[in-house]
Amino acid sequence: MHLDYKDNRVNGNVVDFVITPTALRKNMDKYVKLLKVGFRGGMYQLQMNVVSSNTLVVTRKEPNQFPNLVVRMWGFSAYFKDPPDEYKDLLIRRAKESEHIA
């Protein structure tokens, strides 16, 4: 825990990230540890999208493929087809980056 949350607990310390379903299944023990250590260290909220970049790319091009895909974006949830394209592109980029790291 390198983030200092002690005086900033009301919506000031949201952690959000993207992980693929496969990576989550393979690393469930690490995910549980993240939750335990994070909340013990003062993490207030964890906003997590469990989706692959491929699913996001397909949905961006053909929204009817996954019309009910809901994502968490910067403090709100939305059907992936609804936000502006720049938001979708940013989420796709973040998903690709997280897959590259994993």
PDB file of N, CA and C in Angstrom:
ATOM      1  N   MET A   1       0.850  -1.183   0.000  1.00  0.00           N
ATOM      2  CA  MET A   1       0.000   0.000   0.000  1.00  0.00           C
ATOM      3  C   MET A   1       0.887   1.235   0.000  1.00  0.00           C
ATOM      4  N   HIS A   2       0.911   1.910  -1.105  1.00  0.00           N
ATOM      5  CA  HIS A   2       1.670   3.147  -1.175  1.00  0.00           C
ATOM      6  C   HIS A   2       0.772   4.368  -1.298  1.00  0.00           C
ATOM      7  N   LEU A   3      -0.530   4.154  -1.337  1.00  0.00           N
ATOM      8  CA  LEU A   3      -1.463   5.271  -1.441  1.00  0.00           C
ATOM      9  C   LEU A   3      -1.912   5.676  -0.041  1.00  0.00           C
ATOM     10  N   ASP A   4      -1.916   6.961   0.229  1.00  0.00           N
ATOM     11  CA  ASP A   4      -2.288   7.459   1.548  1.00  0.00           C
ATOM     12  C   ASP A   4      -3.739   7.927   1.499  1.00  0.00           C
ATOM     13  N   TYR A   5      -4.625   7.156   2.126  1.00  0.00           N
ATOM     14  CA  TYR A   5      -6.046   7.458   2.109  1.00  0.00           C
ATOM     15  C   TYR A   5      -6.566   8.000   3.429  1.00  0.00           C
ATOM     16  N   LYS A   6      -5.733   8.138   4.428  1.00  0.00           N
ATOM     17  CA  LYS A   6      -6.238   8.352   5.785  1.00  0.00           C
ATOM     18  C   LYS A   6      -7.162   9.557   5.953  1.00  0.00           C
ATOM     19  N   ASP A   7      -6.982  10.637   5.255  1.00  0.00           N
ATOM     20  CA  ASP A   7      -7.857  11.803   5.418  1.00  0.00           C
ATOM     21  C   ASP A   7      -8.734  12.035   4.192  1.00  0.00           C
ATOM     22  N   ASN A   8      -8.954  11.002   3.411  1.00  0.00           N
ATOM     23  CA  ASN A   8      -9.642  11.184   2.140  1.00  0.00           C
ATOM     24  C   ASN A   8     -10.543   9.988   1.847  1.00  0.00           C
ATOM     25  N   ARG A   9     -11.519   9.732   2.709  1.00  0.00           N
ATOM     26  CA  ARG A   9     -12.313   8.510   2.592  1.00  0.00           C
ATOM     27  C   ARG A   9     -13.678   8.690   1.930  1.00  0.00           C
ATOM     28  N   VAL A  10     -14.098   9.840   1.591  1.00  0.00           N
ATOM     29  CA  VAL A  10     -15.422  10.012   0.994  1.00  0.00           C
ATOM     30  C   VAL A  10     -15.253  10.250  -0.502  1.00  0.00           C
ATOM     31  N   ASN A  11     -15.391   9.181  -1.263  1.00  0.00           N
ATOM     32  CA  ASN A  11     -15.295   9.225  -2.726  1.00  0.00           C
ATOM     33  C   ASN A  11     -13.989   9.802  -3.240  1.00  0.00           C
ATOM     34  N   GLY A  12     -12.991   9.858  -2.411  1.00  0.00           N
ATOM     35  CA  GLY A  12     -11.728  10.432  -2.858  1.00  0.00           C
ATOM     36  C   GLY A  12     -10.669   9.404  -3.161  1.00  0.00           C
ATOM     37  N   ASN A  13     -10.995   8.151  -3.011  1.00  0.00           N
ATOM     38  CA  ASN A  13      -9.964   7.135  -3.219  1.00  0.00           C
ATOM     39  C   ASN A  13     -10.511   5.919  -3.957  1.00  0.00           C
ATOM     40  N   VAL A  14     -11.090   6.147  -5.078  1.00  0.00           N
ATOM     41  CA  VAL A  14     -11.641   5.065  -5.894  1.00  0.00           C
ATOM     42  C   VAL A  14     -10.502   4.437  -6.691  1.00  0.00           C
ATOM     43  N   VAL A  15     -10.427   3.126  -6.657  1.00  0.00           N
ATOM     44  CA  VAL A  15      -9.473   2.381  -7.467  1.00  0.00           C
ATOM     45  C   VAL A  15     -10.271   1.673  -8.545  1.00  0.00           C
ATOM     46  N   ASP A  16      -9.926   1.914  -9.801  1.00  0.00           N
ATOM     47  CA  ASP A  16     -10.638   1.208 -10.859  1.00  0.00           C
ATOM     48  C   ASP A  16      -9.651   0.540 -11.793  1.00  0.00           C
ATOM     49  N   PHE A  17     -10.050  -0.620 -12.289  1.00  0.00           N
ATOM     50  CA  PHE A  17      -9.190  -1.335 -13.214  1.00  0.00           C
ATOM     51  C   PHE A  17      -9.996  -2.307 -14.062  1.00  0.00           C
ATOM     52  N   VAL A  18      -9.327  -2.837 -15.080  1.00  0.00           N
ATOM     53  CA  VAL A  18      -9.936  -3.781 -16.016  1.00  0.00           C
ATOM     54  C   VAL A  18      -9.144  -5.081 -15.936  1.00  0.00           C
ATOM     55  N   ILE A  19      -9.856  -6.195 -15.936  1.00  0.00           N
ATOM     56  CA  ILE A  19      -9.215  -7.500 -15.938  1.00  0.00           C
ATOM     57  C   ILE A  19     -10.062  -8.429 -16.799  1.00  0.00           C
ATOM     58  N   THR A  20      -9.408  -9.344 -17.496  1.00  0.00           N
ATOM     59  CA  THR A  20     -10.159 -10.287 -18.316  1.00  0.00           C
ATOM     60  C   THR A  20     -10.756 -11.375 -17.427  1.00  0.00           C
ATOM     61  N   PRO A  21     -11.834 -11.991 -17.876  1.00  0.00           N
ATOM     62  CA  PRO A  21     -12.400 -13.091 -17.099  1.00  0.00           C
ATOM     63  C   PRO A  21     -11.384 -14.214 -16.861  1.00  0.00           C
ATOM     64  N   THR A  22     -10.575 -14.518 -17.869  1.00  0.00           N
ATOM     65  CA  THR A  22      -9.573 -15.575 -17.738  1.00  0.00           C
ATOM     66  C   THR A  22      -8.525 -15.212 -16.689  1.00  0.00           C
ATOM     67  N   ALA A  23      -8.024 -13.984 -16.739  1.00  0.00           N
ATOM     68  CA  ALA A  23      -7.014 -13.556 -15.767  1.00  0.00           C
ATOM     69  C   ALA A  23      -7.582 -13.568 -14.352  1.00  0.00           C
ATOM     70  N   LEU A  24      -8.839 -13.186 -14.196  1.00  0.00           N
ATOM     71  CA  LEU A  24      -9.449 -13.204 -12.864  1.00  0.00           C
ATOM     72  C   LEU A  24      -9.546 -14.637 -12.348  1.00  0.00           C
ATOM     73  N   ARG A  25      -9.997 -15.549 -13.197  1.00  0.00           N
ATOM     74  CA  ARG A  25     -10.104 -16.953 -12.779  1.00  0.00           C
ATOM     75  C   ARG A  25      -8.735 -17.516 -12.387  1.00  0.00           C
ATOM     76  N   LYS A  26      -7.713 -17.192 -13.170  1.00  0.00           N
ATOM     77  CA  LYS A  26      -6.366 -17.716 -12.907  1.00  0.00           C
ATOM     78  C   LYS A  26      -5.721 -17.086 -11.673  1.00  0.00           C
ATOM     79  N   ASN A  27      -6.187 -15.926 -11.279  1.00  0.00           N
ATOM     80  CA  ASN A  27      -5.548 -15.179 -10.195  1.00  0.00           C
ATOM     81  C   ASN A  27      -6.503 -14.828  -9.068  1.00  0.00           C
ATOM     82  N   MET A  28      -7.485 -15.663  -8.832  1.00  0.00           N
ATOM     83  CA  MET A  28      -8.485 -15.361  -7.807  1.00  0.00           C
ATOM     84  C   MET A  28      -7.838 -15.141  -6.445  1.00  0.00           C
ATOM     85  N   ASP A  29      -6.803 -15.903  -6.114  1.00  0.00           N
ATOM     86  CA  ASP A  29      -6.132 -15.723  -4.829  1.00  0.00           C
ATOM     87  C   ASP A  29      -5.505 -14.333  -4.723  1.00  0.00           C
ATOM     88  N   LYS A  30      -4.942 -13.838  -5.810  1.00  0.00           N
ATOM     89  CA  LYS A  30      -4.349 -12.497  -5.810  1.00  0.00           C
ATOM     90  C   LYS A  30      -5.433 -11.420  -5.718  1.00  0.00           C
ATOM     91  N   TYR A  31      -6.567 -11.666  -6.359  1.00  0.00           N
ATOM     92  CA  TYR A  31      -7.677 -10.720  -6.291  1.00  0.00           C
ATOM     93  C   TYR A  31      -8.191 -10.610  -4.861  1.00  0.00           C
ATOM     94  N   VAL A  32      -8.355 -11.732  -4.196  1.00  0.00           N
ATOM     95  CA  VAL A  32      -8.812 -11.724  -2.805  1.00  0.00           C
ATOM     96  C   VAL A  32      -7.797 -10.992  -1.935  1.00  0.00           C
ATOM     97  N   LYS A  33      -6.523 -11.229  -2.187  1.00  0.00           N
ATOM     98  CA  LYS A  33      -5.472 -10.537  -1.425  1.00  0.00           C
ATOM     99  C   LYS A  33      -5.524  -9.020  -1.683  1.00  0.00           C
ATOM    100  N   LEU A  34      -5.734  -8.632  -2.943  1.00  0.00           N
ATOM    101  CA  LEU A  34      -5.872  -7.212  -3.277  1.00  0.00           C
ATOM    102  C   LEU A  34      -6.988  -6.573  -2.463  1.00  0.00           C
ATOM    103  N   LEU A  35      -8.125  -7.252  -2.398  1.00  0.00           N
ATOM    104  CA  LEU A  35      -9.252  -6.718  -1.634  1.00  0.00           C
ATOM    105  C   LEU A  35      -8.908  -6.586  -0.152  1.00  0.00           C
ATOM    106  N   LYS A  36      -8.370  -7.630   0.420  1.00  0.00           N
ATOM    107  CA  LYS A  36      -8.056  -7.606   1.852  1.00  0.00           C
ATOM    108  C   LYS A  36      -7.026  -6.532   2.188  1.00  0.00           C
ATOM    109  N   VAL A  37      -5.930  -6.515   1.460  1.00  0.00           N
ATOM    110  CA  VAL A  37      -4.872  -5.538   1.728  1.00  0.00           C
ATOM    111  C   VAL A  37      -5.354  -4.125   1.416  1.00  0.00           C
ATOM    112  N   GLY A  38      -6.060  -3.980   0.320  1.00  0.00           N
ATOM    113  CA  GLY A  38      -6.550  -2.664  -0.075  1.00  0.00           C
ATOM    114  C   GLY A  38      -7.490  -2.051   0.942  1.00  0.00           C
ATOM    115  N   PHE A  39      -8.473  -2.814   1.368  1.00  0.00           N
ATOM    116  CA  PHE A  39      -9.436  -2.269   2.318  1.00  0.00           C
ATOM    117  C   PHE A  39      -8.816  -2.070   3.699  1.00  0.00           C
ATOM    118  N   ARG A  40      -7.890  -2.945   4.081  1.00  0.00           N
ATOM    119  CA  ARG A  40      -7.169  -2.725   5.331  1.00  0.00           C
ATOM    120  C   ARG A  40      -6.341  -1.447   5.264  1.00  0.00           C
ATOM    121  N   GLY A  41      -5.834  -1.143   4.077  1.00  0.00           N
ATOM    122  CA  GLY A  41      -5.008   0.044   3.886  1.00  0.00           C
ATOM    123  C   GLY A  41      -5.798   1.313   3.657  1.00  0.00           C
ATOM    124  N   GLY A  42      -7.123   1.217   3.632  1.00  0.00           N
ATOM    125  CA  GLY A  42      -7.945   2.407   3.511  1.00  0.00           C
ATOM    126  C   GLY A  42      -8.644   2.593   2.186  1.00  0.00           C
ATOM    127  N   MET A  43      -8.501   1.645   1.267  1.00  0.00           N
ATOM    128  CA  MET A  43      -9.199   1.759  -0.008  1.00  0.00           C
ATOM    129  C   MET A  43     -10.700   1.829   0.273  1.00  0.00           C
ATOM    130  N   TYR A  44     -11.372   2.754  -0.357  1.00  0.00           N
ATOM    131  CA  TYR A  44     -12.783   3.003  -0.104  1.00  0.00           C
ATOM    132  C   TYR A  44     -13.667   2.294  -1.121  1.00  0.00           C
ATOM    133  N   GLN A  45     -13.272   2.348  -2.388  1.00  0.00           N
ATOM    134  CA  GLN A  45     -14.065   1.736  -3.452  1.00  0.00           C
ATOM    135  C   GLN A  45     -13.145   1.047  -4.443  1.00  0.00           C
ATOM    136  N   LEU A  46     -13.608  -0.072  -4.973  1.00  0.00           N
ATOM    137  CA  LEU A  46     -12.922  -0.755  -6.048  1.00  0.00           C
ATOM    138  C   LEU A  46     -13.925  -0.907  -7.179  1.00  0.00           C
ATOM    139  N   GLN A  47     -13.615  -0.318  -8.308  1.00  0.00           N
ATOM    140  CA  GLN A  47     -14.496  -0.402  -9.474  1.00  0.00           C
ATOM    141  C   GLN A  47     -13.781  -1.241 -10.518  1.00  0.00           C
ATOM    142  N   MET A  48     -14.370  -2.373 -10.842  1.00  0.00           N
ATOM    143  CA  MET A  48     -13.678  -3.345 -11.662  1.00  0.00           C
ATOM    144  C   MET A  48     -14.533  -3.761 -12.851  1.00  0.00           C
ATOM    145  N   ASN A  49     -13.925  -3.725 -14.022  1.00  0.00           N
ATOM    146  CA  ASN A  49     -14.554  -4.264 -15.215  1.00  0.00           C
ATOM    147  C   ASN A  49     -13.904  -5.606 -15.514  1.00  0.00           C
ATOM    148  N   VAL A  50     -14.706  -6.646 -15.582  1.00  0.00           N
ATOM    149  CA  VAL A  50     -14.212  -7.980 -15.929  1.00  0.00           C
ATOM    150  C   VAL A  50     -14.660  -8.235 -17.357  1.00  0.00           C
ATOM    151  N   VAL A  51     -13.773  -7.912 -18.289  1.00  0.00           N
ATOM    152  CA  VAL A  51     -14.108  -7.999 -19.708  1.00  0.00           C
ATOM    153  C   VAL A  51     -12.801  -8.003 -20.507  1.00  0.00           C
ATOM    154  N   SER A  52     -12.817  -8.642 -21.657  1.00  0.00           N
ATOM    155  CA  SER A  52     -11.622  -8.639 -22.509  1.00  0.00           C
ATOM    156  C   SER A  52     -11.667  -7.447 -23.463  1.00  0.00           C
ATOM    157  N   SER A  53     -10.490  -7.029 -23.891  1.00  0.00           N
ATOM    158  CA  SER A  53     -10.442  -5.928 -24.860  1.00  0.00           C
ATOM    159  C   SER A  53     -11.123  -6.354 -26.156  1.00  0.00           C
ATOM    160  N   ASN A  54     -11.006  -7.628 -26.513  1.00  0.00           N
ATOM    161  CA  ASN A  54     -11.648  -8.117 -27.727  1.00  0.00           C
ATOM    162  C   ASN A  54     -13.162  -7.932 -27.674  1.00  0.00           C
ATOM    163  N   THR A  55     -13.766  -8.239 -26.532  1.00  0.00           N
ATOM    164  CA  THR A  55     -15.212  -8.036 -26.383  1.00  0.00           C
ATOM    165  C   THR A  55     -15.563  -6.564 -26.545  1.00  0.00           C
ATOM    166  N   LEU A  56     -14.753  -5.691 -25.979  1.00  0.00           N
ATOM    167  CA  LEU A  56     -15.012  -4.247 -26.108  1.00  0.00           C
ATOM    168  C   LEU A  56     -14.865  -3.780 -27.552  1.00  0.00           C
ATOM    169  N   VAL A  57     -13.847  -4.268 -28.246  1.00  0.00           N
ATOM    170  CA  VAL A  57     -13.634  -3.875 -29.646  1.00  0.00           C
ATOM    171  C   VAL A  57     -14.806  -4.338 -30.508  1.00  0.00           C
ATOM    172  N   VAL A  58     -15.234  -5.587 -30.314  1.00  0.00           N
ATOM    173  CA  VAL A  58     -16.373  -6.114 -31.077  1.00  0.00           C
ATOM    174  C   VAL A  58     -17.619  -5.288 -30.791  1.00  0.00           C
ATOM    175  N   THR A  59     -17.853  -4.987 -29.526  1.00  0.00           N
ATOM    176  CA  THR A  59     -19.046  -4.225 -29.148  1.00  0.00           C
ATOM    177  C   THR A  59     -18.983  -2.800 -29.683  1.00  0.00           C
ATOM    178  N   ARG A  60     -17.792  -2.231 -29.721  1.00  0.00           N
ATOM    179  CA  ARG A  60     -17.628  -0.865 -30.269  1.00  0.00           C
ATOM    180  C   ARG A  60     -18.043  -0.847 -31.736  1.00  0.00           C
ATOM    181  N   LYS A  61     -17.623  -1.876 -32.495  1.00  0.00           N
ATOM    182  CA  LYS A  61     -17.937  -1.932 -33.929  1.00  0.00           C
ATOM    183  C   LYS A  61     -19.352  -2.395 -34.207  1.00  0.00           C
ATOM    184  N   GLU A  62     -19.839  -3.341 -33.395  1.00  0.00           N
ATOM    185  CA  GLU A  62     -21.173  -3.911 -33.605  1.00  0.00           C
ATOM    186  C   GLU A  62     -21.914  -3.970 -32.263  1.00  0.00           C
ATOM    187  N   PRO A  63     -22.523  -2.870 -31.856  1.00  0.00           N
ATOM    188  CA  PRO A  63     -23.166  -2.792 -30.545  1.00  0.00           C
ATOM    189  C   PRO A  63     -24.223  -3.870 -30.295  1.00  0.00           C
ATOM    190  N   ASN A  64     -24.816  -4.394 -31.342  1.00  0.00           N
ATOM    191  CA  ASN A  64     -25.846  -5.417 -31.156  1.00  0.00           C
ATOM    192  C   ASN A  64     -25.280  -6.782 -30.762  1.00  0.00           C
ATOM    193  N   GLN A  65     -23.955  -6.965 -30.887  1.00  0.00           N
ATOM    194  CA  GLN A  65     -23.338  -8.220 -30.464  1.00  0.00           C
ATOM    195  C   GLN A  65     -23.493  -8.443 -28.958  1.00  0.00           C
ATOM    196  N   PHE A  66     -23.298  -7.366 -28.193  1.00  0.00           N
ATOM    197  CA  PHE A  66     -23.422  -7.423 -26.730  1.00  0.00           C
ATOM    198  C   PHE A  66     -24.221  -6.203 -26.264  1.00  0.00           C
ATOM    199  N   PRO A  67     -25.521  -6.156 -26.563  1.00  0.00           N
ATOM    200  CA  PRO A  67     -26.306  -4.944 -26.274  1.00  0.00           C
ATOM    201  C   PRO A  67     -26.449  -4.641 -24.786  1.00  0.00           C
ATOM    202  N   ASN A  68     -26.256  -5.639 -23.921  1.00  0.00           N
ATOM    203  CA  ASN A  68     -26.432  -5.431 -22.482  1.00  0.00           C
ATOM    204  C   ASN A  68     -25.122  -5.356 -21.720  1.00  0.00           C
ATOM    205  N   LEU A  69     -24.010  -5.150 -22.426  1.00  0.00           N
ATOM    206  CA  LEU A  69     -22.711  -5.044 -21.765  1.00  0.00           C
ATOM    207  C   LEU A  69     -22.643  -3.739 -20.979  1.00  0.00           C
ATOM    208  N   VAL A  70     -22.523  -3.870 -19.672  1.00  0.00           N
ATOM    209  CA  VAL A  70     -22.431  -2.704 -18.782  1.00  0.00           C
ATOM    210  C   VAL A  70     -20.989  -2.587 -18.303  1.00  0.00           C
ATOM    211  N   VAL A  71     -20.458  -1.368 -18.338  1.00  0.00           N
ATOM    212  CA  VAL A  71     -19.105  -1.111 -17.869  1.00  0.00           C
ATOM    213  C   VAL A  71     -19.114  -0.001 -16.836  1.00  0.00           C
ATOM    214  N   ARG A  72     -18.096  -0.006 -16.039  1.00  0.00           N
ATOM    215  CA  ARG A  72     -17.909   1.046 -15.030  1.00  0.00           C
ATOM    216  C   ARG A  72     -16.897   2.025 -15.589  1.00  0.00           C
ATOM    217  N   MET A  73     -17.279   3.307 -15.640  1.00  0.00           N
ATOM    218  CA  MET A  73     -16.423   4.340 -16.217  1.00  0.00           C
ATOM    219  C   MET A  73     -16.413   5.561 -15.312  1.00  0.00           C
ATOM    220  N   TRP A  74     -15.319   5.812 -14.663  1.00  0.00           N
ATOM    221  CA  TRP A  74     -15.078   7.066 -13.958  1.00  0.00           C
ATOM    222  C   TRP A  74     -16.265   7.542 -13.119  1.00  0.00           C
ATOM    223  N   GLY A  75     -16.756   6.667 -12.283  1.00  0.00           N
ATOM    224  CA  GLY A  75     -17.793   7.060 -11.345  1.00  0.00           C
ATOM    225  C   GLY A  75     -19.224   6.761 -11.771  1.00  0.00           C
ATOM    226  N   PHE A  76     -19.411   6.168 -12.929  1.00  0.00           N
ATOM    227  CA  PHE A  76     -20.766   5.812 -13.335  1.00  0.00           C
ATOM    228  C   PHE A  76     -20.739   4.506 -14.121  1.00  0.00           C
ATOM    229  N   SER A  77     -21.859   3.827 -14.138  1.00  0.00           N
ATOM    230  CA  SER A  77     -22.012   2.619 -14.945  1.00  0.00           C
ATOM    231  C   SER A  77     -22.881   2.959 -16.149  1.00  0.00           C
ATOM    232  N   ALA A  78     -22.578   2.316 -17.278  1.00  0.00           N
ATOM    233  CA  ALA A  78     -23.342   2.581 -18.500  1.00  0.00           C
ATOM    234  C   ALA A  78     -23.268   1.374 -19.415  1.00  0.00           C
ATOM    235  N   TYR A  79     -24.276   1.249 -20.254  1.00  0.00           N
ATOM    236  CA  TYR A  79     -24.164   0.281 -21.335  1.00  0.00           C
ATOM    237  C   TYR A  79     -23.015   0.749 -22.213  1.00  0.00           C
ATOM    238  N   PHE A  80     -22.155  -0.170 -22.613  1.00  0.00           N
ATOM    239  CA  PHE A  80     -20.958   0.213 -23.364  1.00  0.00           C
ATOM    240  C   PHE A  80     -21.291   0.953 -24.653  1.00  0.00           C
ATOM    241  N   LYS A  81     -22.431   0.681 -25.223  1.00  0.00           N
ATOM    242  CA  LYS A  81     -22.821   1.322 -26.488  1.00  0.00           C
ATOM    243  C   LYS A  81     -23.199   2.793 -26.319  1.00  0.00           C
ATOM    244  N   ASP A  82     -23.485   3.239 -25.096  1.00  0.00           N
ATOM    245  CA  ASP A  82     -24.044   4.576 -24.890  1.00  0.00           C
ATOM    246  C   ASP A  82     -23.054   5.739 -24.714  1.00  0.00           C
ATOM    247  N   PRO A  83     -21.946   5.572 -24.022  1.00  0.00           N
ATOM    248  CA  PRO A  83     -21.055   6.727 -23.803  1.00  0.00           C
ATOM    249  C   PRO A  83     -20.419   7.218 -25.106  1.00  0.00           C
ATOM    250  N   PRO A  84     -19.817   8.401 -25.062  1.00  0.00           N
ATOM    251  CA  PRO A  84     -19.135   8.924 -26.251  1.00  0.00           C
ATOM    252  C   PRO A  84     -18.004   7.986 -26.695  1.00  0.00           C
ATOM    253  N   ASP A  85     -17.702   8.029 -27.984  1.00  0.00           N
ATOM    254  CA  ASP A  85     -16.669   7.159 -28.541  1.00  0.00           C
ATOM    255  C   ASP A  85     -15.322   7.341 -27.835  1.00  0.00           C
ATOM    256  N   GLU A  86     -14.993   8.538 -27.430  1.00  0.00           N
ATOM    257  CA  GLU A  86     -13.698   8.761 -26.765  1.00  0.00           C
ATOM    258  C   GLU A  86     -13.618   7.992 -25.439  1.00  0.00           C
ATOM    259  N   TYR A  87     -14.727   7.848 -24.731  1.00  0.00           N
ATOM    260  CA  TYR A  87     -14.755   7.063 -23.502  1.00  0.00           C
ATOM    261  C   TYR A  87     -14.550   5.582 -23.821  1.00  0.00           C
ATOM    262  N   LYS A  88     -15.244   5.117 -24.865  1.00  0.00           N
ATOM    263  CA  LYS A  88     -15.099   3.719 -25.267  1.00  0.00           C
ATOM    264  C   LYS A  88     -13.652   3.425 -25.648  1.00  0.00           C
ATOM    265  N   ASP A  89     -13.067   4.315 -26.438  1.00  0.00           N
ATOM    266  CA  ASP A  89     -11.689   4.123 -26.884  1.00  0.00           C
ATOM    267  C   ASP A  89     -10.723   4.087 -25.702  1.00  0.00           C
ATOM    268  N   LEU A  90     -10.950   4.924 -24.730  1.00  0.00           N
ATOM    269  CA  LEU A  90     -10.091   4.948 -23.554  1.00  0.00           C
ATOM    270  C   LEU A  90     -10.213   3.648 -22.763  1.00  0.00           C
ATOM    271  N   LEU A  91     -11.422   3.164 -22.603  1.00  0.00           N
ATOM    272  CA  LEU A  91     -11.619   1.906 -21.884  1.00  0.00           C
ATOM    273  C   LEU A  91     -10.992   0.739 -22.652  1.00  0.00           C
ATOM    274  N   ILE A  92     -11.104   0.735 -23.959  1.00  0.00           N
ATOM    275  CA  ILE A  92     -10.462  -0.301 -24.780  1.00  0.00           C
ATOM    276  C   ILE A  92      -8.953  -0.232 -24.609  1.00  0.00           C
ATOM    277  N   ARG A  93      -8.394   0.951 -24.656  1.00  0.00           N
ATOM    278  CA  ARG A  93      -6.950   1.116 -24.482  1.00  0.00           C
ATOM    279  C   ARG A  93      -6.503   0.600 -23.116  1.00  0.00           C
ATOM    280  N   ARG A  94      -7.255   0.939 -22.073  1.00  0.00           N
ATOM    281  CA  ARG A  94      -6.912   0.480 -20.726  1.00  0.00           C
ATOM    282  C   ARG A  94      -7.020  -1.037 -20.631  1.00  0.00           C
ATOM    283  N   ALA A  95      -8.009  -1.622 -21.285  1.00  0.00           N
ATOM    284  CA  ALA A  95      -8.153  -3.077 -21.269  1.00  0.00           C
ATOM    285  C   ALA A  95      -6.969  -3.743 -21.963  1.00  0.00           C
ATOM    286  N   LYS A  96      -6.565  -3.200 -23.090  1.00  0.00           N
ATOM    287  CA  LYS A  96      -5.409  -3.752 -23.823  1.00  0.00           C
ATOM    288  C   LYS A  96      -4.138  -3.622 -22.986  1.00  0.00           C
ATOM    289  N   GLU A  97      -3.970  -2.498 -22.315  1.00  0.00           N
ATOM    290  CA  GLU A  97      -2.793  -2.311 -21.466  1.00  0.00           C
ATOM    291  C   GLU A  97      -2.779  -3.315 -20.314  1.00  0.00           C
ATOM    292  N   SER A  98      -3.934  -3.554 -19.714  1.00  0.00           N
ATOM    293  CA  SER A  98      -3.989  -4.495 -18.596  1.00  0.00           C
ATOM    294  C   SER A  98      -3.708  -5.917 -19.072  1.00  0.00           C
ATOM    295  N   GLU A  99      -4.140  -6.253 -20.280  1.00  0.00           N
ATOM    296  CA  GLU A  99      -3.864  -7.582 -20.818  1.00  0.00           C
ATOM    297  C   GLU A  99      -2.377  -7.737 -21.129  1.00  0.00           C
ATOM    298  N   HIS A 100      -1.760  -6.673 -21.563  1.00  0.00           N
ATOM    299  CA  HIS A 100      -0.324  -6.709 -21.873  1.00  0.00           C
ATOM    300  C   HIS A 100       0.492  -6.929 -20.597  1.00  0.00           C
ATOM    301  N   ILE A 101       0.044  -6.340 -19.508  1.00  0.00           N
ATOM    302  CA  ILE A 101       0.759  -6.472 -18.227  1.00  0.00           C
ATOM    303  C   ILE A 101       0.582  -7.872 -17.666  1.00  0.00           C
ATOM    304  N   ALA A 102      -0.635  -8.421 -17.810  1.00  0.00           N
ATOM    305  CA  ALA A 102      -0.933  -9.749 -17.243  1.00  0.00           C
ATOM    306  C   ALA A 102      -0.215 -10.802 -17.970  1.00  0.00           C
TER     307      ALA A 102
END
